C-alpha atoms as a PDB file:
ATOM      1  CA  MET A   1      76.137  21.641 -20.514  1.00  0.00           C
ATOM      2  CA  SER A   2      73.225  22.558 -23.135  1.00  0.00           C
ATOM      3  CA  ALA A   3      71.803  20.079 -25.532  1.00  0.00           C
ATOM      4  CA  PHE A   4      73.057  21.968 -28.065  1.00  0.00           C
ATOM      5  CA  THR A   5      76.619  21.758 -26.862  1.00  0.00           C
ATOM      6  CA  LEU A   6      76.021  18.130 -26.687  1.00  0.00           C
ATOM      7  CA  LEU A   7      74.995  17.604 -29.956  1.00  0.00           C
ATOM      8  CA  LEU A   8      78.430  19.429 -31.453  1.00  0.00           C
ATOM      9  CA  ILE A   9      80.403  17.209 -29.236  1.00  0.00           C
ATOM     10  CA  ILE A  10      78.515  14.046 -30.796  1.00  0.00           C
ATOM     11  CA  VAL A  11      78.704  15.362 -34.047  1.00  0.00           C
ATOM     12  CA  CYS A  12      82.327  16.404 -33.770  1.00  0.00           C
ATOM     13  CA  VAL A  13      83.179  12.778 -32.368  1.00  0.00           C
ATOM     14  CA  LEU A  14      81.518  10.877 -34.976  1.00  0.00           C
ATOM     15  CA  SER A  15      83.654  12.940 -37.930  1.00  0.00           C
ATOM     16  CA  ILE A  16      86.688  12.059 -36.514  1.00  0.00           C
ATOM     17  CA  TRP A  17      85.749   8.332 -35.950  1.00  0.00           C
ATOM     18  CA  ALA A  18      84.468   8.413 -39.645  1.00  0.00           C
ATOM     19  CA  THR A  19      87.919  10.015 -41.072  1.00  0.00           C
ATOM     20  CA  VAL A  20      89.675   7.667 -38.791  1.00  0.00           C
ATOM     21  CA  ASP A  21      87.842   4.457 -40.149  1.00  0.00           C
ATOM     22  CA  LEU A  22      87.673   5.876 -43.789  1.00  0.00           C
ATOM     23  CA  PHE A  23      91.898   6.196 -43.687  1.00  0.00           C
ATOM     24  CA  MET A  24      92.220   2.838 -42.513  1.00  0.00           C
ATOM     25  CA  GLU A  25      90.124   1.612 -45.294  1.00  0.00           C
ATOM     26  CA  ILE A  26      92.325   3.277 -47.655  1.00  0.00           C
ATOM     27  CA  ARG A  27      95.644   1.940 -45.495  1.00  0.00           C
ATOM     28  CA  LYS A  28      94.061  -1.864 -45.902  1.00  0.00           C
ATOM     29  CA  GLY A  29      93.909  -1.154 -49.426  1.00  0.00           C
ATOM     30  CA  ASP A  30      90.625  -2.529 -49.569  1.00  0.00           C
ATOM     31  CA  LYS A  31      88.421  -1.096 -52.728  1.00  0.00           C
ATOM     32  CA  PHE A  32      87.968   2.738 -51.467  1.00  0.00           C
ATOM     33  CA  GLU A  33      85.564   5.024 -53.546  1.00  0.00           C
ATOM     34  CA  LEU A  34      87.476   8.604 -53.557  1.00  0.00           C
ATOM     35  CA  TRP A  35      84.162  10.463 -53.751  1.00  0.00           C
ATOM     36  CA  TRP A  36      83.810   9.862 -49.770  1.00  0.00           C
ATOM     37  CA  VAL A  37      86.727  12.301 -49.290  1.00  0.00           C
ATOM     38  CA  PHE A  38      85.046  14.937 -51.185  1.00  0.00           C
ATOM     39  CA  ILE A  39      81.369  14.543 -49.270  1.00  0.00           C
ATOM     40  CA  PHE A  40      83.606  14.845 -45.864  1.00  0.00           C
ATOM     41  CA  MET A  41      85.072  17.823 -47.178  1.00  0.00           C
ATOM     42  CA  LEU A  42      81.858  19.486 -48.475  1.00  0.00           C
ATOM     43  CA  PHE A  43      79.610  18.155 -45.647  1.00  0.00           C
ATOM     44  CA  PRO A  44      81.853  18.115 -42.578  1.00  0.00           C
ATOM     45  CA  PHE A  45      78.890  17.153 -40.060  1.00  0.00           C
ATOM     46  CA  VAL A  46      76.650  15.391 -42.367  1.00  0.00           C
ATOM     47  CA  GLY A  47      79.426  13.160 -44.324  1.00  0.00           C
ATOM     48  CA  PRO A  48      80.217  10.850 -41.684  1.00  0.00           C
ATOM     49  CA  VAL A  49      76.686   9.963 -40.750  1.00  0.00           C
ATOM     50  CA  ILE A  50      76.242   9.098 -44.851  1.00  0.00           C
ATOM     51  CA  TYR A  51      79.464   7.255 -44.739  1.00  0.00           C
ATOM     52  CA  PHE A  52      78.210   5.246 -41.569  1.00  0.00           C
ATOM     53  CA  GLN A  53      74.882   4.650 -42.938  1.00  0.00           C
ATOM     54  CA  TYR A  54      76.388   3.485 -46.104  1.00  0.00           C
ATOM     55  CA  LYS A  55      78.899   1.126 -44.693  1.00  0.00           C
ATOM     56  CA  TYR A  56      76.774  -0.569 -42.009  1.00  0.00           C
END
Protein backbone atom coordinates (compact mmCIF):
# COMPACT_ATOMS: atom_id res chain seq x y z
CA MET A 1 0.00 0.00 0.00
CA SER A 2 1.48 3.30 -1.01
CA ALA A 3 1.40 6.45 1.05
CA PHE A 4 -1.01 8.05 -1.43
CA THR A 5 -3.50 5.19 -1.03
CA LEU A 6 -3.27 5.43 2.75
CA LEU A 7 -3.87 9.18 2.57
CA LEU A 8 -6.95 8.67 0.40
CA ILE A 9 -8.34 6.08 2.82
CA ILE A 10 -7.82 8.42 5.78
CA VAL A 11 -9.47 11.30 3.94
CA CYS A 12 -12.47 9.14 2.97
CA VAL A 13 -12.93 7.89 6.53
CA LEU A 14 -12.67 11.44 7.86
CA SER A 15 -15.21 12.63 5.31
CA ILE A 16 -17.70 9.92 6.22
CA TRP A 17 -17.20 10.56 9.94
CA ALA A 18 -17.74 14.31 9.52
CA THR A 19 -20.86 13.77 7.42
CA VAL A 20 -22.38 11.42 10.00
CA ASP A 21 -21.48 13.86 12.79
CA LEU A 22 -23.06 16.72 10.88
CA PHE A 23 -26.32 14.85 10.36
CA MET A 24 -26.38 13.76 14.01
CA GLU A 25 -26.19 17.46 14.95
CA ILE A 26 -29.12 18.16 12.63
CA ARG A 27 -31.10 15.30 14.15
CA LYS A 28 -30.49 16.50 17.72
CA GLY A 29 -32.00 19.82 16.75
CA ASP A 30 -29.06 21.86 17.93
CA LYS A 31 -28.24 25.14 16.29
CA PHE A 32 -27.05 24.19 12.85
CA GLU A 33 -25.36 26.27 10.21
CA LEU A 34 -26.60 25.25 6.76
CA TRP A 35 -23.45 26.49 5.07
CA TRP A 36 -21.56 23.40 6.33
CA VAL A 37 -23.52 21.28 3.86
CA PHE A 38 -22.36 23.52 1.01
CA ILE A 39 -18.75 23.34 2.19
CA PHE A 40 -18.96 19.54 2.21
CA MET A 41 -20.41 19.52 -1.30
CA LEU A 42 -17.94 22.04 -2.74
CA PHE A 43 -14.83 20.70 -0.99
CA PRO A 44 -15.40 17.00 -0.25
CA PHE A 45 -11.85 16.38 0.97
CA VAL A 46 -11.07 19.64 2.74
CA GLY A 47 -14.56 20.37 4.10
CA PRO A 48 -14.50 17.74 6.87
CA VAL A 49 -11.08 18.92 8.05
CA ILE A 50 -12.36 22.49 8.27
CA TYR A 51 -15.48 21.24 10.08
CA PHE A 52 -13.52 19.40 12.76
CA GLN A 53 -11.15 22.34 13.22
CA TYR A 54 -14.17 24.59 13.76
CA LYS A 55 -16.02 22.17 16.03
CA TYR A 56 -13.17 21.12 18.33
